[in-house]
């Protein structure tokens, strides 16, 4: 009997120890799960807190950028009023001077219109028909103009020379600010064929002008601009190019200057036409580079060792880069640069105000881009917050089900 009691007592102790061990293991697992649950909850909450801070930062940035843009808009309006007062208060020019200036510019446009099947002709027709509303059209809102109309030359003979040097195709080239504007001029179907019902070809069809063959388009943002210095205190911002020099340190006889600096650029195109650059250091520097101008062909040929990017002479000599000589007499090209107006030089205060207006307008455009980018970041932060919140709710739901 005592042996049986001893066996029973031993079994009870073993069972009790086993249950106690199972209880310890169970409690250990519960504790571990609780720690994991707590860690995950803290992680989700930290992520949500971080996402919330990012949303607040982007909202504050948007508020600040909008405030800055509104201030710039007010400044732009004030400057526009100042310029408007200048134009209204400026005494009218003499009739003969005005007529001469208008005739010169009108003659250039007339020469372009004679090329009836050219893209430049269609752009001019568009401007005549729609006036100030032309830049608002989808395919022309980024078009700055035609090469022949974007520069002016004082001397008629030099104008013919520079026009001949560039050639009619380049003189009729369309100048766009960005590549997006280039793409808008001509569209294609899925097979890669030109869509004649849209872009500049579509407009040409509506006015009875069929665009024939290819046409040249110059994209300012794709040009490599001049990055050197400018002539000090020059309202036309001429480029400070290194003049050719003989071994004795003097300029070669007959050297007049560089063609790129002999182009008169309207004040509205001197700055901020392409990012921070004007037309002289982008368009005309790309067209003429360091093209030298001499008084005579004889003097130009004597300076040949000093000519790297071509040269022209006032008596009709033309040397193009890479050793290409254009021989023969000066031809009368049918598209030339117009003469600048005699009243094209406003006072320094006007130029300063106009430059301020261009600077403010450029800053506003940059702010607008920053606003778009900040709005995208805010939308991304809000999406990230909602996604993490859904993951947290899903985690809590699954944990509750597993616990039950």
Protein backbone atom coordinates (compact mmCIF):
# COMPACT_ATOMS: atom_id res chain seq x y z
CA UNK A 1 0.00 0.00 0.00
CA UNK A 2 2.79 2.38 0.88
CA UNK A 3 4.49 1.60 -2.43
CA UNK A 4 1.28 2.40 -4.35
CA UNK A 5 0.85 5.70 -2.48
CA UNK A 6 4.43 6.55 -3.26
CA UNK A 7 3.90 5.88 -6.98
CA UNK A 8 0.70 8.00 -7.06
CA UNK A 9 2.44 10.82 -5.26
CA UNK A 10 5.34 10.69 -7.73
CA UNK A 11 2.94 10.81 -10.73
CA UNK A 12 1.12 13.77 -9.28
CA UNK A 13 4.37 15.64 -8.85
CA UNK A 14 5.40 14.88 -12.45
CA UNK A 15 2.03 16.01 -13.84
CA UNK A 16 2.07 19.15 -11.77
CA UNK A 17 5.61 19.96 -12.92
CA UNK A 18 4.64 19.36 -16.51
CA UNK A 19 1.65 21.70 -16.27
CA UNK A 20 3.78 24.32 -14.57
CA UNK A 21 6.38 24.09 -17.32
CA UNK A 22 3.67 24.42 -19.99
CA UNK A 23 2.32 27.45 -18.17
CA UNK A 24 5.77 29.06 -18.13
CA UNK A 25 6.23 28.38 -21.85
CA UNK A 26 2.76 29.76 -22.63
CA UNK A 27 3.36 32.88 -20.59
CA UNK A 28 6.72 33.34 -22.31
CA UNK A 29 5.09 33.11 -25.75
CA UNK A 30 2.36 35.55 -24.73
CA UNK A 31 5.00 37.96 -23.44
CA UNK A 32 6.98 37.65 -26.68
CA UNK A 33 3.86 38.24 -28.80
CA UNK A 34 3.00 41.23 -26.68
CA UNK A 35 6.47 42.68 -27.20
CA UNK A 36 6.22 42.11 -30.96
CA UNK A 37 2.75 43.69 -31.00
CA UNK A 38 3.97 46.68 -29.01
CA UNK A 39 7.03 47.12 -31.26
CA UNK A 40 4.91 46.99 -34.43
CA UNK A 41 2.39 49.45 -33.00
CA UNK A 42 5.18 51.86 -32.08
CA UNK A 43 6.70 51.47 -35.55
CA UNK A 44 3.39 52.22 -37.29
CA UNK A 45 2.77 55.20 -35.04
CA UNK A 46 6.28 56.57 -35.66
CA UNK A 47 5.81 56.20 -39.42
CA UNK A 48 2.43 57.95 -39.28
CA UNK A 49 3.90 60.73 -37.15
CA UNK A 50 6.79 61.21 -39.63
CA UNK A 51 4.39 61.22 -42.59
CA UNK A 52 2.20 63.77 -40.82
CA UNK A 53 5.20 66.05 -40.23
CA UNK A 54 6.11 65.81 -43.95
CA UNK A 55 2.56 66.76 -44.93
CA UNK A 56 2.71 69.80 -42.64
CA UNK A 57 6.07 70.86 -44.08
CA UNK A 58 4.83 70.63 -47.66
CA UNK A 59 1.66 72.54 -46.75
CA UNK A 60 3.75 75.30 -45.15
CA UNK A 61 6.03 75.41 -48.19
CA UNK A 62 3.03 75.75 -50.51
CA UNK A 63 1.62 78.55 -48.40
CA UNK A 64 4.97 80.40 -48.47
CA UNK A 65 5.45 79.94 -52.23
CA UNK A 66 1.92 81.19 -52.97
CA UNK A 67 2.57 84.24 -50.81
CA UNK A 68 5.82 84.97 -52.70
CA UNK A 69 4.12 84.52 -56.05
CA UNK A 70 1.36 86.96 -55.08
CA UNK A 71 3.97 89.54 -54.06
CA UNK A 72 5.77 89.09 -57.38
CA UNK A 73 2.49 89.48 -59.26
CA UNK A 74 1.85 92.78 -57.47
CA UNK A 75 5.36 93.98 -58.36
CA UNK A 76 4.86 92.95 -61.99
CA UNK A 77 1.63 94.94 -62.19
CA UNK A 78 3.34 98.02 -60.71
CA UNK A 79 6.18 97.80 -63.24
CA UNK A 80 3.73 97.33 -66.11
CA UNK A 81 1.93 100.51 -65.01
CA UNK A 82 5.25 102.41 -65.00
CA UNK A 83 6.08 101.25 -68.52
CA UNK A 84 2.55 102.04 -69.67
CA UNK A 85 2.88 105.58 -68.31
CA UNK A 86 6.18 105.97 -70.19
CA UNK A 87 4.58 105.00 -73.51
CA UNK A 88 1.55 107.24 -72.95
CA UNK A 89 3.72 110.21 -71.92
CA UNK A 90 6.35 109.82 -74.68
CA UNK A 91 6.01 112.51 -77.36
CA UNK A 92 5.18 111.15 -80.83
CA UNK A 93 8.03 110.81 -83.30
CA UNK A 94 8.18 112.68 -86.57
CA UNK A 95 5.98 111.31 -89.28
CA UNK A 96 8.84 110.66 -91.67
CA UNK A 97 10.87 108.83 -89.02
CA UNK A 98 7.93 106.68 -88.00
CA UNK A 99 7.08 105.93 -91.58
CA UNK A 100 10.66 104.98 -92.40
CA UNK A 101 10.92 102.65 -89.40
CA UNK A 102 7.59 100.98 -90.05
CA UNK A 103 8.35 100.65 -93.74
CA UNK A 104 11.58 98.84 -92.97
CA UNK A 105 9.94 96.29 -90.68
CA UNK A 106 6.91 95.99 -92.93
CA UNK A 107 9.19 95.38 -95.89
CA UNK A 108 10.83 92.43 -94.11
CA UNK A 109 7.42 90.92 -93.37
CA UNK A 110 6.39 91.54 -96.98
CA UNK A 111 9.50 89.70 -98.16
CA UNK A 112 8.61 86.76 -95.92
CA UNK A 113 5.03 86.67 -97.19
CA UNK A 114 6.32 86.33 -100.76
CA UNK A 115 7.51 82.84 -99.78
CA UNK A 116 3.92 81.63 -99.84
CA UNK A 117 4.62 77.95 -99.21
CA UNK A 118 6.97 78.54 -96.26
CA UNK A 119 6.26 78.00 -92.57
CA UNK A 120 7.51 81.54 -91.87
CA UNK A 121 4.80 82.91 -94.18
CA UNK A 122 2.13 81.01 -92.25
CA UNK A 123 3.44 82.36 -88.93
CA UNK A 124 3.31 85.92 -90.29
CA UNK A 125 -0.20 85.35 -91.60
CA UNK A 126 -1.17 84.02 -88.18
CA UNK A 127 0.17 87.14 -86.49
CA UNK A 128 -1.67 89.39 -88.94
CA UNK A 129 -4.96 87.58 -88.42
CA UNK A 130 -4.87 87.04 -84.65
CA UNK A 131 -2.58 89.84 -83.47
CA UNK A 132 -1.81 89.64 -79.75
CA UNK A 133 -3.91 86.46 -79.45
CA UNK A 134 -1.57 84.50 -81.75
CA UNK A 135 0.79 83.41 -78.93
CA UNK A 136 -2.19 81.88 -77.10
CA UNK A 137 -2.74 79.24 -79.78
CA UNK A 138 -1.53 75.76 -78.87
CA UNK A 139 1.07 75.38 -81.61
CA UNK A 140 2.46 78.95 -81.48
CA UNK A 141 2.43 79.85 -77.77
CA UNK A 142 6.13 79.01 -77.57
CA UNK A 143 7.11 80.60 -80.91
CA UNK A 144 9.24 83.73 -80.45
CA UNK A 145 9.29 84.76 -84.10
CA UNK A 146 11.15 84.46 -87.40
CA UNK A 147 14.93 84.89 -87.54
CA UNK A 148 14.61 87.77 -90.02
CA UNK A 149 12.31 89.71 -87.67
CA UNK A 150 14.17 89.12 -84.39
CA UNK A 151 17.22 91.21 -85.26
CA UNK A 152 17.81 94.59 -86.91
CA UNK A 153 20.84 95.98 -88.72
CA UNK A 154 21.65 99.69 -89.13
CA UNK A 155 23.45 99.47 -92.48
CA UNK A 156 21.48 98.22 -95.47
CA UNK A 157 24.57 96.78 -97.16
CA UNK A 158 25.59 94.90 -94.01
CA UNK A 159 22.03 93.62 -93.70
CA UNK A 160 22.20 92.13 -97.21
CA UNK A 161 25.60 90.59 -96.44
CA UNK A 162 24.52 88.97 -93.17
CA UNK A 163 21.30 87.73 -94.77
CA UNK A 164 23.21 86.19 -97.66
CA UNK A 165 25.71 84.63 -95.24
CA UNK A 166 22.87 82.91 -93.33
CA UNK A 167 20.85 82.00 -96.41
CA UNK A 168 17.12 82.21 -97.05
CA UNK A 169 16.31 78.95 -95.23
CA UNK A 170 17.87 80.23 -91.99
CA UNK A 171 16.39 83.73 -92.37
CA UNK A 172 12.95 82.08 -92.62
CA UNK A 173 13.66 79.83 -89.63
CA UNK A 174 11.07 79.72 -86.83
CA UNK A 175 12.51 80.36 -83.36
CA UNK A 176 10.98 78.46 -80.42
CA UNK A 177 11.85 78.85 -76.75
CA UNK A 178 11.59 75.16 -75.82
CA UNK A 179 11.50 71.74 -77.44
CA UNK A 180 7.84 71.42 -76.44
CA UNK A 181 7.14 74.32 -78.80
CA UNK A 182 9.02 72.55 -81.58
CA UNK A 183 6.90 69.41 -81.13
CA UNK A 184 3.67 71.45 -81.20
CA UNK A 185 4.44 72.81 -84.67
CA UNK A 186 4.20 69.40 -86.34
CA UNK A 187 2.46 66.23 -85.16
CA UNK A 188 2.53 62.66 -86.43
CA UNK A 189 0.16 59.68 -86.51
CA UNK A 190 0.90 56.21 -85.13
CA UNK A 191 2.66 55.20 -88.35
CA UNK A 192 4.97 58.23 -88.13
CA UNK A 193 3.33 60.14 -90.99
CA UNK A 194 2.86 63.90 -90.73
CA UNK A 195 -0.61 64.94 -89.57
CA UNK A 196 -1.63 67.66 -92.02
CA UNK A 197 -4.72 68.63 -90.02
CA UNK A 198 -2.91 69.88 -86.91
CA UNK A 199 -0.08 72.21 -85.98
CA UNK A 200 1.19 74.79 -88.40
CA UNK A 201 0.21 72.68 -91.42
CA UNK A 202 -3.39 72.52 -90.22
CA UNK A 203 -3.57 76.30 -89.83
CA UNK A 204 -1.97 76.77 -93.25
CA UNK A 205 -4.72 74.66 -94.79
CA UNK A 206 -7.43 76.82 -93.19
CA UNK A 207 -6.02 79.98 -94.82
CA UNK A 208 -5.29 78.35 -98.16
CA UNK A 209 -1.52 78.08 -97.67
CA UNK A 210 -0.08 74.63 -98.24
CA UNK A 211 3.21 74.14 -96.47
CA UNK A 212 5.64 72.72 -98.99
CA UNK A 213 8.64 70.60 -98.03
CA UNK A 214 10.79 71.00 -94.95
CA UNK A 215 11.20 74.07 -92.77
CA UNK A 216 13.82 75.09 -90.21
CA UNK A 217 12.97 75.45 -86.51
CA UNK A 218 15.53 76.69 -83.97
CA UNK A 219 15.07 75.64 -80.35
CA UNK A 220 16.66 78.13 -77.94
CA UNK A 221 16.87 75.79 -74.96
CA UNK A 222 18.90 73.32 -77.05
CA UNK A 223 21.49 75.90 -78.12
CA UNK A 224 24.82 76.23 -76.36
CA UNK A 225 24.86 79.86 -75.22
CA UNK A 226 27.79 82.24 -75.01
CA UNK A 227 29.06 82.08 -71.43
CA UNK A 228 31.71 84.82 -71.48
CA UNK A 229 31.65 88.43 -70.35
CA UNK A 230 29.65 91.35 -71.79
CA UNK A 231 30.78 94.83 -72.75
CA UNK A 232 30.61 97.03 -69.63
CA UNK A 233 27.71 99.49 -69.41
CA UNK A 234 26.42 98.54 -72.85
CA UNK A 235 22.59 98.75 -73.00
CA UNK A 236 22.62 96.29 -75.91
CA UNK A 237 24.62 93.73 -73.88
CA UNK A 238 27.18 93.15 -76.63
CA UNK A 239 29.53 90.24 -76.15
CA UNK A 240 33.04 91.01 -74.94
CA UNK A 241 34.80 88.89 -77.58
CA UNK A 242 38.58 88.75 -77.93
CA UNK A 243 39.54 90.76 -81.01
CA UNK A 244 41.95 89.25 -83.56
CA UNK A 245 45.47 90.57 -83.11
CA UNK A 246 48.62 90.59 -85.20
CA UNK A 247 51.98 89.61 -83.66
CA UNK A 248 52.55 93.31 -82.88
CA UNK A 249 49.41 93.32 -80.73
CA UNK A 250 47.31 95.47 -83.10
CA UNK A 251 44.06 94.52 -84.83
CA UNK A 252 44.42 93.64 -88.53
CA UNK A 253 43.73 96.54 -90.92
CA UNK A 254 40.10 96.89 -91.95
CA UNK A 255 38.70 94.90 -89.02
CA UNK A 256 35.36 96.47 -88.00
CA UNK A 257 33.98 94.07 -85.42
CA UNK A 258 32.01 90.88 -84.87
CA UNK A 259 28.74 90.31 -86.71
CA UNK A 260 26.98 89.06 -83.55
CA UNK A 261 27.51 92.51 -81.99
CA UNK A 262 26.24 94.35 -85.08
CA UNK A 263 22.74 92.96 -84.66
CA UNK A 264 20.37 95.27 -82.82
CA UNK A 265 18.17 93.26 -80.43
CA UNK A 266 14.88 94.61 -79.09
CA UNK A 267 15.02 95.28 -75.36
CA UNK A 268 12.34 92.71 -74.63
CA UNK A 269 14.67 90.04 -76.04
CA UNK A 270 17.92 91.10 -74.36
CA UNK A 271 17.31 89.08 -71.20
CA UNK A 272 15.47 85.99 -70.00
CA UNK A 273 14.27 84.80 -73.41
CA UNK A 274 15.76 81.36 -72.73
CA UNK A 275 16.18 80.77 -69.00
CA UNK A 276 18.68 83.51 -68.01
CA UNK A 277 19.92 84.24 -71.53
CA UNK A 278 18.92 86.76 -74.19
CA UNK A 279 18.75 86.41 -77.96
CA UNK A 280 22.24 87.77 -78.62
CA UNK A 281 24.06 85.11 -76.61
CA UNK A 282 21.78 82.27 -77.78
CA UNK A 283 20.26 82.64 -81.26
CA UNK A 284 22.63 85.12 -82.87
CA UNK A 285 25.75 83.72 -81.23
CA UNK A 286 24.78 80.28 -82.60
CA UNK A 287 24.16 81.73 -86.07
CA UNK A 288 27.26 83.94 -86.32
CA UNK A 289 29.59 82.76 -83.55
CA UNK A 290 32.78 84.90 -83.95
CA UNK A 291 32.14 85.90 -87.57
CA UNK A 292 34.45 88.85 -88.31
CA UNK A 293 33.53 91.88 -90.43
CA UNK A 294 36.10 93.73 -92.57
CA UNK A 295 35.94 96.80 -94.77
CA UNK A 296 37.28 95.13 -97.90
CA UNK A 297 37.87 91.67 -99.34
CA UNK A 298 41.60 92.42 -99.68
CA UNK A 299 41.95 93.27 -95.98
CA UNK A 300 39.90 90.21 -95.03
CA UNK A 301 42.17 87.88 -97.02
CA UNK A 302 45.29 89.43 -95.45
CA UNK A 303 43.83 88.57 -92.02
CA UNK A 304 43.06 84.98 -93.05
CA UNK A 305 45.40 83.37 -90.46
CA UNK A 306 43.43 85.15 -87.72
CA UNK A 307 40.00 84.01 -88.94
CA UNK A 308 38.61 80.89 -87.27
CA UNK A 309 34.81 81.23 -87.49
CA UNK A 310 34.42 82.92 -90.86
CA UNK A 311 34.43 86.52 -92.06
CA UNK A 312 32.65 88.90 -94.41
CA UNK A 313 33.69 92.15 -96.04
CA UNK A 314 31.52 95.13 -96.87
CA UNK A 315 32.38 94.80 -100.57
CA UNK A 316 30.86 91.30 -100.76
CA UNK A 317 33.56 88.89 -99.63
CA UNK A 318 32.40 85.85 -97.66
CA UNK A 319 34.52 83.24 -95.90
CA UNK A 320 32.65 80.55 -94.01
CA UNK A 321 34.16 78.33 -91.30
CA UNK A 322 36.23 75.29 -92.23
CA UNK A 323 37.82 76.97 -95.27
CA UNK A 324 34.68 77.48 -97.40
CA UNK A 325 35.04 80.53 -99.67
CA UNK A 326 32.01 82.10 -101.34
CA UNK A 327 33.24 83.73 -104.56
CA UNK A 328 31.45 86.06 -106.96
CA UNK A 329 29.47 89.27 -106.57
CA UNK A 330 27.10 90.16 -103.75
CA UNK A 331 23.60 88.87 -104.53
CA UNK A 332 20.45 90.71 -103.57
CA UNK A 333 18.73 88.35 -101.12
CA UNK A 334 14.96 88.55 -100.94
CA UNK A 335 14.70 88.36 -97.12
CA UNK A 336 16.77 90.84 -95.10
CA UNK A 337 16.99 92.17 -91.57
CA UNK A 338 15.07 95.42 -91.03
CA UNK A 339 16.61 98.65 -89.77
CA UNK A 340 16.17 99.59 -86.10
CA UNK A 341 13.90 102.47 -85.30
CA UNK A 342 15.59 105.81 -84.66
CA UNK A 343 13.67 105.99 -81.38
CA UNK A 344 14.63 102.47 -80.38
CA UNK A 345 16.85 103.68 -77.53
CA UNK A 346 14.69 104.54 -74.52
CA UNK A 347 16.18 106.21 -71.41
CA UNK A 348 18.23 104.18 -68.94
CA UNK A 349 15.39 104.28 -66.38
CA UNK A 350 13.07 102.63 -68.91
CA UNK A 351 15.57 99.86 -69.64
CA UNK A 352 16.15 99.30 -65.92
CA UNK A 353 12.41 99.05 -65.32
CA UNK A 354 11.96 96.69 -68.24
CA UNK A 355 14.81 94.50 -67.00
CA UNK A 356 13.21 94.43 -63.57
CA UNK A 357 9.94 93.39 -65.17
CA UNK A 358 11.64 90.55 -67.03
CA UNK A 359 13.46 89.48 -63.87
CA UNK A 360 10.22 89.45 -61.86
CA UNK A 361 8.39 87.59 -64.60
CA UNK A 362 11.15 84.99 -64.76
CA UNK A 363 11.09 84.61 -60.96
CA UNK A 364 7.33 84.16 -61.07
CA UNK A 365 7.66 81.41 -63.69
CA UNK A 366 10.26 79.67 -61.52
CA UNK A 367 7.98 79.97 -58.48
CA UNK A 368 5.12 78.49 -60.46
CA UNK A 369 7.29 75.49 -61.30
CA UNK A 370 8.28 75.19 -57.62
CA UNK A 371 4.60 75.29 -56.66
CA UNK A 372 3.80 72.44 -59.04
CA UNK A 373 6.68 70.39 -57.70
CA UNK A 374 5.71 71.08 -54.06
CA UNK A 375 2.09 70.14 -54.77
CA UNK A 376 3.25 66.82 -56.21
CA UNK A 377 5.36 66.17 -53.09
CA UNK A 378 2.37 67.00 -50.88
CA UNK A 379 0.12 64.63 -52.82
CA UNK A 380 2.76 61.91 -52.49
CA UNK A 381 3.09 62.52 -48.73
CA UNK A 382 -0.69 62.35 -48.24
CA UNK A 383 -0.88 59.13 -50.25
CA UNK A 384 1.95 57.65 -48.17
CA UNK A 385 0.15 58.64 -44.94
CA UNK A 386 -3.12 57.04 -46.02
CA UNK A 387 -1.33 53.87 -47.13
CA UNK A 388 0.48 53.51 -43.78
CA UNK A 389 -2.77 54.20 -41.92
CA UNK A 390 -4.53 51.42 -43.84
CA UNK A 391 -1.64 49.05 -43.08
CA UNK A 392 -1.89 49.89 -39.37
CA UNK A 393 -5.65 49.28 -39.26
CA UNK A 394 -5.19 46.01 -41.13
CA UNK A 395 -2.47 44.95 -38.69
CA UNK A 396 -4.69 45.69 -35.68
CA UNK A 397 -7.57 43.77 -37.24
CA UNK A 398 -5.43 40.71 -37.97
CA UNK A 399 -3.84 40.79 -34.50
CA UNK A 400 -7.28 40.95 -32.87
CA UNK A 401 -8.50 37.97 -34.91
CA UNK A 402 -5.41 35.91 -34.11
CA UNK A 403 -5.71 36.71 -30.38
CA UNK A 404 -9.35 35.65 -30.36
